Structures are given as C-alpha cells and as structure tokens.
Amino acid sequence: MAERALIWPGLWLVLFCWGAGAACAAGPPKVASVSLCGDQYLMMLADPGQVVSLSHQSMSPLSYVKERAASFPRNRGSVEELILSDVELVVLNAYGDTQLKRILRKFGIDYFELPLGETIGDVEETVIALSQKLGREAEGHRLVGRMKKRVEAVSRSAQGGAQPVALYFRSDGGGAGAGTFVDDAIRAAGFRNLQRDLGKKGWGTLPLEQAVMTPPDVFVTSFFDTPYQSVRGLFRYNPVFWELAQKGTLVQVPGKLWPCSSPLLVNAVEFLARAHRETGSNDREMSRDGG
C-alpha cells in the first residue's frame, strides 16, 4: 500500500502534464538562431542561459550585437549541429531553408519564422510573438514599450517642422519605396521619401536620371560602410551618384542598424531624426545668411 501511495501521485502528475502540454515544460526552451536577424532578436529578448548558439553572422561587420554575441557558441545552420546541441527552438527567417524546417519538424524541434516586417508596428508584433515562444513575454512587452516611447519622442520632436525630401540608395543601387521598413523609418524621422512620392513601391531602385530631374534635399545611403563587394556594389563608385549627393545633404546610416526589420529599426529612426534636426539647422543658417 505504501508503494501504491508513492506511485499514484506520480502517475497523476504525468497524466496532468500530458493534458496540459507546455504548461508543464521544464522552463524556457533552449534556443538557437540561424540568421543575423534572429541573433538580434535573441540578444534583446532571450535569457542568456537559454541561448544554445547564434548564427555565424553574429560576428560579421553587419552585426550590431557583435560584442555580446562573442560569448556565445556559433552555428552554421546545419541540421546536424542543431540536433546534436539539444536545441528546442530555432529562430530563422520566413524565407529560410524549407529542407531545414522539414527536418526540424521530423525531430520534434520547434521553430519560429521571423516575418519580413515592413513597419515598426510589424516589428513590435514579432517581438511579442517571439517573446511568448521564448517564455519571456514580460520582457517582450517591456521592449515594445521602450520602442514606442522612443518613436513617440522622435515624432514629437519632428511635429510641425519641415519635411525634407529624402532618397535612399544602397551600395548596389537598390532603393526603398512605399511598403518597406526603410520607407517607414525615413518617414518616422520626419522626412518625405522621394520614391514614395513618385509612386514607387517595394525595394526597386530609382534611376539616377530621375534623381537628376527631381533632386532630393537629402541622400540617405546605407551598406556603403561594409567591406562586402560585388559587381553591383560598384555603384558605390558611380560618379553621377556622388556628384548628386555632394550637392545636398548626405546621411550615411550604418548598415548594421537595419540589415532586416528588427527592433534596431528604432535606432535607425533616431539616427535619421538627428540628421533631420541638423538639416533643419542648416536650412535656418542659409535663411539668415540670405542663401
């Protein structure tokens, strides 16, 4: 009878946990990231003790979290190393390797797909969703609260002021029209986006001829500060572009602030907002000087 008294409580616990599912999980899941964007999210949301590894990109020139990431193991995104690490949750991009997702499912490993959010609001939704998967929902809400306060502060500062026209270019010549997170950041900082004004949507480029015909007040560039080179990257040496850029204000946003749509997008907004204030100061100086 004494043995039965010991056995039955344990059996009831097993049955309860079987019915409750995640409610009986032994703490937050062990997690790994296989992308640069995932690295950023985990460094902001996860408890350090639950991070099994970050992607090899966490140490790249585009990694904003490089210093913190140095203390964590790195992976190459292979199925073998993820399975052998006993990871329970993998954070990857929505457009990532479908084969990897299929095998993770087969081995009972959960994964979270980071959507390509195109607004700061989209990023906030992703923060909450991922924080729930990580068992860190309170931290997710705190992070979203901080993001909202920072964006609201920028909005108040820019309210009622001039809206200089900005044109964005990457080193490969790509641009950003309506419906992109770069457009959202540019407008949140108090600028107008020339590509949006011209009816352009998505990540398509704007011909330099169009920029000559309708020159912006500000050129916003990014990824010119990274060592990555390609044939298309030769745009960084385009004399027409640099001649146009030198005629106006040139704002070079560090590429590591927005390699993807993550909470770091707010940092890019603040960077652009500082440039907006400086642009306004320059305009006032020109007016006083009769320029």
Protein backbone atom coordinates (compact mmCIF):
# COMPACT_ATOMS: atom_id res chain seq x y z
CA MET A 1 0.00 0.00 0.00
CA ALA A 2 2.85 2.36 0.78
CA GLU A 3 4.31 1.72 -2.67
CA ARG A 4 0.94 2.47 -4.32
CA ALA A 5 0.70 5.70 -2.35
CA LEU A 6 4.03 6.76 -3.83
CA ILE A 7 3.27 5.61 -7.36
CA TRP A 8 -0.18 7.07 -7.89
CA PRO A 9 0.69 10.74 -7.18
CA GLY A 10 3.48 10.43 -9.74
CA LEU A 11 1.11 8.90 -12.28
CA TRP A 12 -1.39 11.68 -11.78
CA LEU A 13 1.38 14.24 -12.38
CA VAL A 14 2.31 12.53 -15.66
CA LEU A 15 -1.32 12.46 -16.79
CA PHE A 16 -1.81 16.10 -15.80
CA CYS A 17 1.28 17.24 -17.71
CA TRP A 18 0.26 15.16 -20.73
CA GLY A 19 -3.04 17.03 -20.81
CA ALA A 20 -1.58 20.45 -20.01
CA GLY A 21 1.17 20.27 -22.61
CA ALA A 22 3.51 23.27 -22.46
CA ALA A 23 2.21 24.23 -19.02
CA CYS A 24 4.46 21.52 -17.54
CA ALA A 25 7.52 22.30 -19.64
CA ALA A 26 10.73 22.44 -17.64
CA GLY A 27 11.40 26.16 -18.03
CA PRO A 28 12.08 28.32 -21.09
CA PRO A 29 13.13 26.43 -24.25
CA LYS A 30 16.76 26.13 -25.27
CA VAL A 31 17.04 28.29 -28.38
CA ALA A 32 19.36 28.89 -31.32
CA SER A 33 19.37 31.42 -34.15
CA VAL A 34 20.49 30.66 -37.70
CA SER A 35 20.31 34.21 -39.09
CA LEU A 36 21.63 37.69 -38.39
CA CYS A 37 18.13 38.98 -37.71
CA GLY A 38 17.46 36.11 -35.32
CA ASP A 39 20.68 36.92 -33.46
CA GLN A 40 19.46 40.46 -32.86
CA TYR A 41 16.10 39.34 -31.54
CA LEU A 42 17.60 36.77 -29.16
CA MET A 43 20.15 39.21 -27.74
CA MET A 44 17.27 41.56 -26.91
CA LEU A 45 14.69 39.05 -25.68
CA ALA A 46 16.16 35.73 -24.55
CA ASP A 47 17.67 34.90 -21.20
CA PRO A 48 21.39 34.30 -21.84
CA GLY A 49 21.13 30.90 -20.16
CA GLN A 50 18.65 29.61 -22.73
CA VAL A 51 20.72 30.59 -25.80
CA VAL A 52 22.48 27.49 -27.15
CA SER A 53 24.10 29.22 -30.14
CA LEU A 54 23.87 32.15 -32.54
CA SER A 55 24.49 32.21 -36.27
CA HIS A 56 27.99 32.64 -37.70
CA GLN A 57 26.75 36.03 -38.97
CA SER A 58 26.62 37.28 -35.39
CA MET A 59 30.30 38.19 -35.72
CA SER A 60 30.01 39.86 -39.14
CA PRO A 61 30.53 43.61 -39.77
CA LEU A 62 26.74 43.95 -40.04
CA SER A 63 26.14 42.56 -36.55
CA TYR A 64 25.05 45.24 -34.09
CA VAL A 65 25.26 42.67 -31.28
CA LYS A 66 28.79 41.52 -32.14
CA GLU A 67 30.35 42.26 -28.75
CA ARG A 68 27.64 40.48 -26.75
CA ALA A 69 27.48 37.64 -29.27
CA ALA A 70 31.18 36.86 -28.85
CA SER A 71 30.50 34.94 -25.63
CA PHE A 72 28.06 32.50 -27.28
CA PRO A 73 28.78 29.45 -29.47
CA ARG A 74 28.14 29.93 -33.19
CA ASN A 75 26.49 27.61 -35.69
CA ARG A 76 26.47 27.28 -39.47
CA GLY A 77 22.78 26.49 -39.62
CA SER A 78 23.29 22.79 -40.35
CA VAL A 79 20.68 20.30 -39.21
CA GLU A 80 23.29 18.04 -37.64
CA GLU A 81 24.77 20.63 -35.29
CA LEU A 82 21.34 21.91 -34.26
CA ILE A 83 20.09 18.41 -33.39
CA LEU A 84 23.28 17.50 -31.53
CA SER A 85 23.06 20.71 -29.48
CA ASP A 86 19.73 19.55 -27.98
CA VAL A 87 18.11 22.80 -29.03
CA GLU A 88 14.33 23.01 -28.54
CA LEU A 89 13.54 26.14 -30.57
CA VAL A 90 15.24 27.52 -33.69
CA VAL A 91 14.73 31.12 -34.83
CA LEU A 92 15.01 31.50 -38.60
CA ASN A 93 13.84 33.73 -41.42
CA ALA A 94 10.46 33.06 -43.00
CA TYR A 95 12.15 32.73 -46.39
CA GLY A 96 14.76 30.34 -44.98
CA ASP A 97 15.67 26.77 -45.88
CA THR A 98 12.48 24.71 -46.30
CA GLN A 99 14.51 21.50 -46.01
CA LEU A 100 15.79 22.61 -42.61
CA LYS A 101 12.26 23.29 -41.43
CA ARG A 102 11.07 19.88 -42.60
CA ILE A 103 13.84 18.03 -40.77
CA LEU A 104 13.41 20.08 -37.60
CA ARG A 105 9.75 19.08 -37.55
CA LYS A 106 10.71 15.43 -38.06
CA PHE A 107 12.95 15.54 -34.98
CA GLY A 108 10.35 17.34 -32.89
CA ILE A 109 12.27 20.63 -32.77
CA ASP A 110 10.10 23.72 -32.79
CA TYR A 111 11.00 26.78 -34.86
CA PHE A 112 9.92 30.39 -35.14
CA GLU A 113 9.91 32.13 -38.53
CA LEU A 114 10.77 35.82 -38.44
CA PRO A 115 8.48 37.58 -40.92
CA LEU A 116 9.81 40.30 -43.19
CA GLY A 117 8.00 43.07 -41.35
CA GLU A 118 7.77 46.32 -43.26
CA THR A 119 6.75 48.68 -40.45
CA ILE A 120 7.81 49.36 -36.88
CA GLY A 121 4.37 48.07 -35.88
CA ASP A 122 5.13 44.77 -37.62
CA VAL A 123 8.37 44.50 -35.64
CA GLU A 124 6.52 45.10 -32.38
CA GLU A 125 4.10 42.26 -33.21
CA THR A 126 7.05 39.95 -33.94
CA VAL A 127 8.66 40.88 -30.62
CA ILE A 128 5.54 39.85 -28.71
CA ALA A 129 5.07 36.63 -30.69
CA LEU A 130 8.69 35.52 -30.25
CA SER A 131 8.80 36.50 -26.58
CA GLN A 132 5.83 34.20 -25.99
CA LYS A 133 7.66 31.29 -27.65
CA LEU A 134 10.73 32.04 -25.52
CA GLY A 135 8.76 32.14 -22.30
CA ARG A 136 9.79 35.79 -21.99
CA GLU A 137 6.51 37.60 -22.68
CA ALA A 138 7.05 40.21 -19.97
CA GLU A 139 10.41 41.12 -21.48
CA GLY A 140 8.76 41.35 -24.90
CA HIS A 141 6.18 43.84 -23.64
CA ARG A 142 8.91 45.87 -21.94
CA LEU A 143 10.89 46.02 -25.17
CA VAL A 144 7.84 47.10 -27.18
CA GLY A 145 7.09 49.76 -24.56
CA ARG A 146 10.61 51.16 -24.89
CA MET A 147 10.34 51.14 -28.69
CA LYS A 148 7.03 53.03 -28.63
CA LYS A 149 8.39 55.70 -26.26
CA ARG A 150 11.45 56.29 -28.42
CA VAL A 151 9.44 56.58 -31.65
CA GLU A 152 6.92 58.88 -29.97
CA ALA A 153 9.77 61.12 -28.77
CA VAL A 154 11.07 61.40 -32.33
CA SER A 155 7.55 62.13 -33.61
CA ARG A 156 7.05 64.93 -31.08
CA SER A 157 10.40 66.45 -31.98
CA ALA A 158 9.62 66.45 -35.71
CA GLN A 159 6.00 67.56 -35.35
CA GLY A 160 5.16 70.75 -37.20
CA GLY A 161 8.62 71.07 -38.72
CA ALA A 162 9.76 70.96 -42.32
CA GLN A 163 9.75 67.61 -44.15
CA PRO A 164 12.88 67.46 -46.31
CA VAL A 165 12.68 65.06 -49.24
CA ALA A 166 14.99 62.06 -48.87
CA LEU A 167 16.14 59.48 -51.41
CA TYR A 168 17.59 56.16 -50.26
CA PHE A 169 20.29 54.17 -52.04
CA ARG A 170 22.24 51.04 -51.09
CA SER A 171 25.73 50.37 -52.41
CA ASP A 172 24.26 48.02 -55.04
CA GLY A 173 21.98 50.79 -56.32
CA GLY A 174 18.84 49.42 -54.66
CA GLY A 175 16.29 51.77 -53.18
CA ALA A 176 13.18 51.67 -51.00
CA GLY A 177 9.69 52.77 -51.97
CA ALA A 178 6.36 52.54 -50.19
CA GLY A 179 5.78 49.37 -48.22
CA THR A 180 9.34 48.89 -46.97
CA PHE A 181 10.76 49.25 -43.46
CA VAL A 182 13.29 51.80 -44.75
CA ASP A 183 10.41 53.96 -46.01
CA ASP A 184 8.68 53.61 -42.63
CA ALA A 185 11.86 54.67 -40.80
CA ILE A 186 12.52 57.62 -43.12
CA ARG A 187 9.01 58.98 -42.65
CA ALA A 188 9.01 58.31 -38.87
CA ALA A 189 12.12 60.52 -38.65
CA GLY A 190 10.32 63.45 -40.30
CA PHE A 191 11.41 63.10 -43.93
CA ARG A 192 9.41 62.50 -47.07
CA ASN A 193 10.53 59.58 -49.20
CA LEU A 194 11.02 60.63 -52.83
CA GLN A 195 10.38 57.13 -54.14
CA ARG A 196 7.05 57.02 -52.33
CA ASP A 197 6.17 60.50 -53.64
CA LEU A 198 6.85 59.24 -57.17
CA GLY A 199 4.53 56.26 -56.66
CA LYS A 200 7.29 53.66 -56.34
CA LYS A 201 6.65 50.59 -54.20
CA GLY A 202 8.88 47.91 -52.72
CA TRP A 203 12.64 47.54 -52.92
CA GLY A 204 13.13 48.58 -56.53
CA THR A 205 15.69 51.18 -57.46
CA LEU A 206 15.16 54.68 -58.80
CA PRO A 207 17.13 55.56 -61.96
CA LEU A 208 19.72 58.27 -61.36
CA GLU A 209 18.21 60.18 -64.28
CA GLN A 210 15.04 60.56 -62.20
CA ALA A 211 17.10 61.84 -59.27
CA VAL A 212 18.69 64.43 -61.57
CA MET A 213 15.24 65.60 -62.70
CA THR A 214 13.77 65.68 -59.18
CA PRO A 215 16.73 66.04 -56.80
CA PRO A 216 16.02 65.31 -53.12
CA ASP A 217 17.06 67.52 -50.23
CA VAL A 218 18.83 64.58 -48.58
CA PHE A 219 20.51 61.43 -49.85
CA VAL A 220 20.24 58.56 -47.39
CA THR A 221 22.74 55.78 -48.01
CA SER A 222 23.48 52.50 -46.30
CA PHE A 223 25.79 49.49 -46.59
CA PHE A 224 28.50 51.67 -48.15
CA ASP A 225 30.30 51.21 -44.83
CA THR A 226 30.70 47.44 -45.15
CA PRO A 227 33.63 45.66 -46.85
CA TYR A 228 31.30 43.49 -48.95
CA GLN A 229 31.98 43.90 -52.64
CA SER A 230 30.10 42.65 -55.68
CA VAL A 231 29.68 43.60 -59.31
CA ARG A 232 26.52 45.50 -58.43
CA GLY A 233 28.32 47.01 -55.45
CA LEU A 234 30.34 49.09 -57.91
CA PHE A 235 27.51 51.61 -57.60
CA ARG A 236 29.48 52.96 -54.66
CA TYR A 237 31.94 54.34 -57.21
CA ASN A 238 29.31 55.85 -59.53
CA PRO A 239 30.44 59.46 -60.23
CA VAL A 240 26.94 60.68 -61.14
CA PHE A 241 25.57 59.49 -57.81
CA TRP A 242 28.33 61.11 -55.76
CA GLU A 243 28.05 64.37 -57.70
CA LEU A 244 24.34 64.46 -56.89
CA ALA A 245 24.93 63.51 -53.26
CA GLN A 246 27.51 66.25 -52.75
CA LYS A 247 25.04 68.90 -53.89
CA GLY A 248 22.73 68.09 -50.99
CA THR A 249 22.96 66.61 -47.54
CA LEU A 250 24.37 63.09 -47.37
CA VAL A 251 23.21 60.90 -44.47
CA GLN A 252 25.05 57.59 -44.19
CA VAL A 253 23.09 55.22 -41.96
CA PRO A 254 25.25 52.36 -40.61
CA GLY A 255 24.12 49.16 -42.32
CA LYS A 256 24.06 47.24 -39.04
CA LEU A 257 21.07 49.32 -37.88
CA TRP A 258 18.75 47.82 -40.49
CA PRO A 259 20.01 44.69 -42.26
CA CYS A 260 16.48 43.43 -41.58
CA SER A 261 13.33 44.55 -39.81
CA SER A 262 14.21 44.11 -36.14
CA PRO A 263 13.87 46.29 -33.01
CA LEU A 264 17.07 48.02 -34.15
CA LEU A 265 14.89 49.83 -36.68
CA VAL A 266 14.17 52.33 -33.90
CA ASN A 267 17.91 53.07 -33.69
CA ALA A 268 17.85 53.88 -37.41
CA VAL A 269 14.87 56.20 -36.88
CA GLU A 270 16.74 58.08 -34.14
CA PHE A 271 19.87 58.28 -36.32
CA LEU A 272 17.79 59.76 -39.15
CA ALA A 273 15.99 62.11 -36.76
CA ARG A 274 19.32 63.59 -35.66
CA ALA A 275 20.17 64.17 -39.33
CA HIS A 276 16.74 65.77 -39.78
CA ARG A 277 17.43 68.24 -36.97
CA GLU A 278 20.84 69.06 -38.42
CA THR A 279 19.30 69.55 -41.86
CA GLY A 280 16.77 71.96 -40.37
CA SER A 281 19.56 73.88 -38.61
CA ASN A 282 21.49 74.18 -41.86
CA ASP A 283 18.40 75.48 -43.65
CA ARG A 284 17.88 78.12 -40.95
CA GLU A 285 21.52 79.19 -41.23
CA MET A 286 21.13 79.59 -45.00
CA SER A 287 18.00 81.67 -44.50
CA ARG A 288 19.75 84.01 -42.05
CA ASP A 289 22.67 84.32 -44.47
CA GLY A 290 20.36 85.01 -47.37
CA GLY A 291 21.22 81.64 -49.01
